[in-house]
PDB file of N, CA and C in Angstrom:
ATOM      1  N   MET A   1    -180.014 -16.358  43.697  1.00  0.00           N
ATOM      2  CA  MET A   1    -180.218 -16.402  45.135  1.00  0.00           C
ATOM      3  C   MET A   1    -179.191 -15.534  45.852  1.00  0.00           C
ATOM      4  N   PHE A   2    -177.881 -15.815  45.615  1.00  0.00           N
ATOM      5  CA  PHE A   2    -176.828 -15.020  46.237  1.00  0.00           C
ATOM      6  C   PHE A   2    -176.273 -14.058  45.196  1.00  0.00           C
ATOM      7  N   GLN A   3    -176.321 -12.806  45.484  1.00  0.00           N
ATOM      8  CA  GLN A   3    -175.872 -11.797  44.543  1.00  0.00           C
ATOM      9  C   GLN A   3    -174.351 -11.625  44.589  1.00  0.00           C
ATOM     10  N   SER A   4    -173.769 -11.798  45.736  1.00  0.00           N
ATOM     11  CA  SER A   4    -172.338 -11.567  45.893  1.00  0.00           C
ATOM     12  C   SER A   4    -171.547 -12.802  45.444  1.00  0.00           C
ATOM     13  N   PRO A   5    -170.517 -12.615  44.620  1.00  0.00           N
ATOM     14  CA  PRO A   5    -169.695 -13.760  44.203  1.00  0.00           C
ATOM     15  C   PRO A   5    -168.936 -14.388  45.372  1.00  0.00           C
ATOM     16  N   ARG A   6    -168.612 -13.591  46.365  1.00  0.00           N
ATOM     17  CA  ARG A   6    -167.919 -14.125  47.549  1.00  0.00           C
ATOM     18  C   ARG A   6    -168.829 -15.064  48.323  1.00  0.00           C
ATOM     19  N   LEU A   7    -170.097 -14.707  48.482  1.00  0.00           N
ATOM     20  CA  LEU A   7    -171.041 -15.593  49.177  1.00  0.00           C
ATOM     21  C   LEU A   7    -171.275 -16.869  48.372  1.00  0.00           C
ATOM     22  N   ARG A   8    -171.385 -16.740  47.087  1.00  0.00           N
ATOM     23  CA  ARG A   8    -171.594 -17.901  46.217  1.00  0.00           C
ATOM     24  C   ARG A   8    -170.408 -18.865  46.353  1.00  0.00           C
ATOM     25  N   THR A   9    -169.205 -18.331  46.342  1.00  0.00           N
ATOM     26  CA  THR A   9    -168.003 -19.151  46.496  1.00  0.00           C
ATOM     27  C   THR A   9    -167.959 -19.806  47.876  1.00  0.00           C
ATOM     28  N   PHE A  10    -168.340 -19.042  48.893  1.00  0.00           N
ATOM     29  CA  PHE A  10    -168.326 -19.576  50.254  1.00  0.00           C
ATOM     30  C   PHE A  10    -169.276 -20.760  50.391  1.00  0.00           C
ATOM     31  N   PHE A  11    -170.470 -20.669  49.862  1.00  0.00           N
ATOM     32  CA  PHE A  11    -171.450 -21.733  50.008  1.00  0.00           C
ATOM     33  C   PHE A  11    -171.168 -22.934  49.101  1.00  0.00           C
ATOM     34  N   LYS A  12    -170.379 -22.765  48.056  1.00  0.00           N
ATOM     35  CA  LYS A  12    -170.016 -23.884  47.196  1.00  0.00           C
ATOM     36  C   LYS A  12    -168.784 -24.624  47.695  1.00  0.00           C
ATOM     37  N   ASP A  13    -168.011 -23.994  48.572  1.00  0.00           N
ATOM     38  CA  ASP A  13    -166.782 -24.603  49.074  1.00  0.00           C
ATOM     39  C   ASP A  13    -167.109 -25.782  49.996  1.00  0.00           C
ATOM     40  N   GLU A  14    -166.501 -26.945  49.744  1.00  0.00           N
ATOM     41  CA  GLU A  14    -166.751 -28.142  50.548  1.00  0.00           C
ATOM     42  C   GLU A  14    -165.492 -28.624  51.261  1.00  0.00           C
ATOM     43  N   SER A  15    -164.520 -27.777  51.457  1.00  0.00           N
ATOM     44  CA  SER A  15    -163.243 -28.208  52.033  1.00  0.00           C
ATOM     45  C   SER A  15    -163.366 -28.622  53.501  1.00  0.00           C
ATOM     46  N   GLY A  16    -164.290 -28.077  54.245  1.00  0.00           N
ATOM     47  CA  GLY A  16    -164.444 -28.442  55.647  1.00  0.00           C
ATOM     48  C   GLY A  16    -165.341 -29.639  55.886  1.00  0.00           C
ATOM     49  N   ALA A  17    -165.986 -30.139  54.850  1.00  0.00           N
ATOM     50  CA  ALA A  17    -166.913 -31.249  55.007  1.00  0.00           C
ATOM     51  C   ALA A  17    -166.203 -32.527  55.427  1.00  0.00           C
ATOM     52  N   VAL A  18    -165.008 -32.748  54.933  1.00  0.00           N
ATOM     53  CA  VAL A  18    -164.252 -33.953  55.294  1.00  0.00           C
ATOM     54  C   VAL A  18    -163.885 -33.917  56.768  1.00  0.00           C
ATOM     55  N   THR A  19    -163.507 -32.761  57.259  1.00  0.00           N
ATOM     56  CA  THR A  19    -163.173 -32.628  58.668  1.00  0.00           C
ATOM     57  C   THR A  19    -164.378 -32.939  59.541  1.00  0.00           C
ATOM     58  N   VAL A  20    -165.516 -32.445  59.166  1.00  0.00           N
ATOM     59  CA  VAL A  20    -166.743 -32.716  59.925  1.00  0.00           C
ATOM     60  C   VAL A  20    -167.042 -34.212  59.915  1.00  0.00           C
ATOM     61  N   ASP A  21    -166.854 -34.866  58.776  1.00  0.00           N
ATOM     62  CA  ASP A  21    -167.072 -36.310  58.701  1.00  0.00           C
ATOM     63  C   ASP A  21    -166.160 -37.057  59.661  1.00  0.00           C
ATOM     64  N   TRP A  22    -164.881 -36.698  59.688  1.00  0.00           N
ATOM     65  CA  TRP A  22    -163.948 -37.383  60.575  1.00  0.00           C
ATOM     66  C   TRP A  22    -164.267 -37.128  62.044  1.00  0.00           C
ATOM     67  N   VAL A  23    -164.716 -35.945  62.371  1.00  0.00           N
ATOM     68  CA  VAL A  23    -165.094 -35.649  63.755  1.00  0.00           C
ATOM     69  C   VAL A  23    -166.287 -36.508  64.168  1.00  0.00           C
ATOM     70  N   VAL A  24    -167.255 -36.635  63.290  1.00  0.00           N
ATOM     71  CA  VAL A  24    -168.438 -37.456  63.590  1.00  0.00           C
ATOM     72  C   VAL A  24    -168.050 -38.923  63.727  1.00  0.00           C
ATOM     73  N   ILE A  25    -167.206 -39.422  62.834  1.00  0.00           N
ATOM     74  CA  ILE A  25    -166.775 -40.820  62.909  1.00  0.00           C
ATOM     75  C   ILE A  25    -165.990 -41.082  64.190  1.00  0.00           C
ATOM     76  N   THR A  26    -165.078 -40.183  64.536  1.00  0.00           N
ATOM     77  CA  THR A  26    -164.279 -40.347  65.752  1.00  0.00           C
ATOM     78  C   THR A  26    -165.146 -40.297  67.002  1.00  0.00           C
ATOM     79  N   ALA A  27    -166.082 -39.389  67.054  1.00  0.00           N
ATOM     80  CA  ALA A  27    -166.978 -39.297  68.208  1.00  0.00           C
ATOM     81  C   ALA A  27    -167.836 -40.558  68.324  1.00  0.00           C
ATOM     82  N   THR A  28    -168.271 -41.098  67.203  1.00  0.00           N
ATOM     83  CA  THR A  28    -169.066 -42.329  67.222  1.00  0.00           C
ATOM     84  C   THR A  28    -168.243 -43.492  67.745  1.00  0.00           C
ATOM     85  N   LEU A  29    -167.010 -43.614  67.277  1.00  0.00           N
ATOM     86  CA  LEU A  29    -166.150 -44.696  67.753  1.00  0.00           C
ATOM     87  C   LEU A  29    -165.845 -44.570  69.244  1.00  0.00           C
ATOM     88  N   CYS A  30    -165.607 -43.360  69.716  1.00  0.00           N
ATOM     89  CA  CYS A  30    -165.371 -43.153  71.151  1.00  0.00           C
ATOM     90  C   CYS A  30    -166.605 -43.520  71.963  1.00  0.00           C
ATOM     91  N   GLY A  31    -167.758 -43.105  71.507  1.00  0.00           N
ATOM     92  CA  GLY A  31    -168.998 -43.442  72.205  1.00  0.00           C
ATOM     93  C   GLY A  31    -169.258 -44.935  72.222  1.00  0.00           C
ATOM     94  N   MET A  32    -168.999 -45.608  71.109  1.00  0.00           N
ATOM     95  CA  MET A  32    -169.206 -47.054  71.057  1.00  0.00           C
ATOM     96  C   MET A  32    -168.214 -47.785  71.963  1.00  0.00           C
ATOM     97  N   THR A  33    -166.987 -47.287  72.034  1.00  0.00           N
ATOM     98  CA  THR A  33    -165.989 -47.892  72.913  1.00  0.00           C
ATOM     99  C   THR A  33    -166.410 -47.762  74.374  1.00  0.00           C
ATOM    100  N   LEU A  34    -166.865 -46.591  74.762  1.00  0.00           N
ATOM    101  CA  LEU A  34    -167.328 -46.404  76.138  1.00  0.00           C
ATOM    102  C   LEU A  34    -168.531 -47.278  76.456  1.00  0.00           C
ATOM    103  N   ALA A  35    -169.453 -47.396  75.505  1.00  0.00           N
ATOM    104  CA  ALA A  35    -170.625 -48.246  75.717  1.00  0.00           C
ATOM    105  C   ALA A  35    -170.222 -49.704  75.876  1.00  0.00           C
ATOM    106  N   MET A  36    -169.261 -50.162  75.071  1.00  0.00           N
ATOM    107  CA  MET A  36    -168.809 -51.549  75.184  1.00  0.00           C
ATOM    108  C   MET A  36    -168.075 -51.785  76.509  1.00  0.00           C
ATOM    109  N   MET A  37    -167.319 -50.795  76.948  1.00  0.00           N
ATOM    110  CA  MET A  37    -166.636 -50.941  78.236  1.00  0.00           C
ATOM    111  C   MET A  37    -167.642 -51.053  79.371  1.00  0.00           C
ATOM    112  N   LEU A  38    -168.691 -50.265  79.327  1.00  0.00           N
ATOM    113  CA  LEU A  38    -169.718 -50.349  80.363  1.00  0.00           C
ATOM    114  C   LEU A  38    -170.480 -51.660  80.295  1.00  0.00           C
ATOM    115  N   LEU A  39    -170.694 -52.152  79.086  1.00  0.00           N
ATOM    116  CA  LEU A  39    -171.441 -53.391  78.904  1.00  0.00           C
ATOM    117  C   LEU A  39    -170.666 -54.597  79.415  1.00  0.00           C
ATOM    118  N   PHE A  40    -169.368 -54.641  79.162  1.00  0.00           N
ATOM    119  CA  PHE A  40    -168.555 -55.800  79.533  1.00  0.00           C
ATOM    120  C   PHE A  40    -167.735 -55.592  80.800  1.00  0.00           C
ATOM    121  N   ARG A  41    -167.977 -54.526  81.528  1.00  0.00           N
ATOM    122  CA  ARG A  41    -167.186 -54.217  82.716  1.00  0.00           C
ATOM    123  C   ARG A  41    -167.220 -55.339  83.742  1.00  0.00           C
ATOM    124  N   ASP A  42    -168.390 -55.862  84.056  1.00  0.00           N
ATOM    125  CA  ASP A  42    -168.504 -56.905  85.071  1.00  0.00           C
ATOM    126  C   ASP A  42    -167.863 -58.210  84.620  1.00  0.00           C
ATOM    127  N   ALA A  43    -167.937 -58.522  83.345  1.00  0.00           N
ATOM    128  CA  ALA A  43    -167.369 -59.770  82.844  1.00  0.00           C
ATOM    129  C   ALA A  43    -165.840 -59.726  82.793  1.00  0.00           C
ATOM    130  N   LEU A  44    -165.269 -58.558  82.554  1.00  0.00           N
ATOM    131  CA  LEU A  44    -163.826 -58.447  82.404  1.00  0.00           C
ATOM    132  C   LEU A  44    -163.091 -58.101  83.694  1.00  0.00           C
ATOM    133  N   SER A  45    -163.800 -57.740  84.728  1.00  0.00           N
ATOM    134  CA  SER A  45    -163.160 -57.332  85.970  1.00  0.00           C
ATOM    135  C   SER A  45    -162.298 -58.428  86.589  1.00  0.00           C
ATOM    136  N   PRO A  46    -162.773 -59.669  86.733  1.00  0.00           N
ATOM    137  CA  PRO A  46    -161.913 -60.708  87.328  1.00  0.00           C
ATOM    138  C   PRO A  46    -160.653 -60.979  86.501  1.00  0.00           C
ATOM    139  N   GLN A  47    -160.768 -60.964  85.179  1.00  0.00           N
ATOM    140  CA  GLN A  47    -159.601 -61.207  84.345  1.00  0.00           C
ATOM    141  C   GLN A  47    -158.568 -60.097  84.485  1.00  0.00           C
ATOM    142  N   SER A  48    -159.024 -58.869  84.583  1.00  0.00           N
ATOM    143  CA  SER A  48    -158.069 -57.769  84.724  1.00  0.00           C
ATOM    144  C   SER A  48    -157.388 -57.806  86.085  1.00  0.00           C
ATOM    145  N   GLU A  49    -158.084 -58.245  87.122  1.00  0.00           N
ATOM    146  CA  GLU A  49    -157.454 -58.384  88.432  1.00  0.00           C
ATOM    147  C   GLU A  49    -156.409 -59.494  88.407  1.00  0.00           C
ATOM    148  N   ASN A  50    -156.709 -60.606  87.738  1.00  0.00           N
ATOM    149  CA  ASN A  50    -155.736 -61.690  87.615  1.00  0.00           C
ATOM    150  C   ASN A  50    -154.506 -61.230  86.843  1.00  0.00           C
ATOM    151  N   LEU A  51    -154.704 -60.488  85.788  1.00  0.00           N
ATOM    152  CA  LEU A  51    -153.596 -59.971  84.998  1.00  0.00           C
ATOM    153  C   LEU A  51    -152.729 -59.028  85.823  1.00  0.00           C
ATOM    154  N   GLY A  52    -153.363 -58.186  86.624  1.00  0.00           N
ATOM    155  CA  GLY A  52    -152.615 -57.267  87.478  1.00  0.00           C
ATOM    156  C   GLY A  52    -151.751 -58.000  88.490  1.00  0.00           C
ATOM    157  N   SER A  53    -152.272 -59.054  89.097  1.00  0.00           N
ATOM    158  CA  SER A  53    -151.481 -59.808  90.077  1.00  0.00           C
ATOM    159  C   SER A  53    -150.344 -60.565  89.391  1.00  0.00           C
ATOM    160  N   GLU A  54    -150.576 -61.072  88.196  1.00  0.00           N
ATOM    161  CA  GLU A  54    -149.510 -61.744  87.446  1.00  0.00           C
ATOM    162  C   GLU A  54    -148.394 -60.772  87.091  1.00  0.00           C
ATOM    163  N   LEU A  55    -148.739 -59.577  86.687  1.00  0.00           N
ATOM    164  CA  LEU A  55    -147.726 -58.591  86.326  1.00  0.00           C
ATOM    165  C   LEU A  55    -146.926 -58.111  87.533  1.00  0.00           C
ATOM    166  N   GLN A  56    -147.544 -58.068  88.696  1.00  0.00           N
ATOM    167  CA  GLN A  56    -146.823 -57.656  89.894  1.00  0.00           C
ATOM    168  C   GLN A  56    -145.801 -58.702  90.318  1.00  0.00           C
ATOM    169  N   GLN A  57    -146.065 -59.967  90.036  1.00  0.00           N
ATOM    170  CA  GLN A  57    -145.151 -61.039  90.417  1.00  0.00           C
ATOM    171  C   GLN A  57    -144.016 -61.222  89.407  1.00  0.00           C
ATOM    172  N   PHE A  58    -144.146 -60.672  88.233  1.00  0.00           N
ATOM    173  CA  PHE A  58    -143.161 -60.837  87.164  1.00  0.00           C
ATOM    174  C   PHE A  58    -141.955 -59.960  87.429  1.00  0.00           C
ATOM    175  N   THR A  59    -140.745 -60.537  87.305  1.00  0.00           N
ATOM    176  CA  THR A  59    -139.526 -59.759  87.477  1.00  0.00           C
ATOM    177  C   THR A  59    -138.713 -59.805  86.189  1.00  0.00           C
ATOM    178  N   ILE A  60    -137.989 -58.746  85.946  1.00  0.00           N
ATOM    179  CA  ILE A  60    -137.159 -58.638  84.753  1.00  0.00           C
ATOM    180  C   ILE A  60    -135.699 -58.636  85.192  1.00  0.00           C
ATOM    181  N   SER A  61    -134.931 -59.536  84.629  1.00  0.00           N
ATOM    182  CA  SER A  61    -133.513 -59.587  84.927  1.00  0.00           C
ATOM    183  C   SER A  61    -132.788 -58.557  84.082  1.00  0.00           C
ATOM    184  N   THR A  62    -132.028 -57.698  84.739  1.00  0.00           N
ATOM    185  CA  THR A  62    -131.334 -56.622  84.018  1.00  0.00           C
ATOM    186  C   THR A  62    -129.840 -56.863  83.950  1.00  0.00           C
ATOM    187  N   THR A  63    -129.368 -58.035  84.356  1.00  0.00           N
ATOM    188  CA  THR A  63    -127.934 -58.334  84.315  1.00  0.00           C
ATOM    189  C   THR A  63    -127.683 -59.441  83.293  1.00  0.00           C
ATOM    190  N   PHE A  64    -126.508 -59.408  82.728  1.00  0.00           N
ATOM    191  CA  PHE A  64    -126.101 -60.453  81.789  1.00  0.00           C
ATOM    192  C   PHE A  64    -125.140 -61.391  82.501  1.00  0.00           C
ATOM    193  N   ASP A  65    -125.323 -62.676  82.307  1.00  0.00           N
ATOM    194  CA  ASP A  65    -124.428 -63.647  82.946  1.00  0.00           C
ATOM    195  C   ASP A  65    -123.319 -64.056  82.034  1.00  0.00           C
TER     196      ASP A  65
END
């Protein structure tokens, strides 16, 4: 099929396949995370507001007695 040894070597090389797999897996995880955030956005909104108000009231003592 391929007469040139360089072309034959190029098409047999699988070194970039792992990178493509990781890119696909990472993109899938990012997409699933965004979908879950959109799905649970309304349910988690009150809890995140409560957490924000609790954190604003929290003070850290920076002095030693």
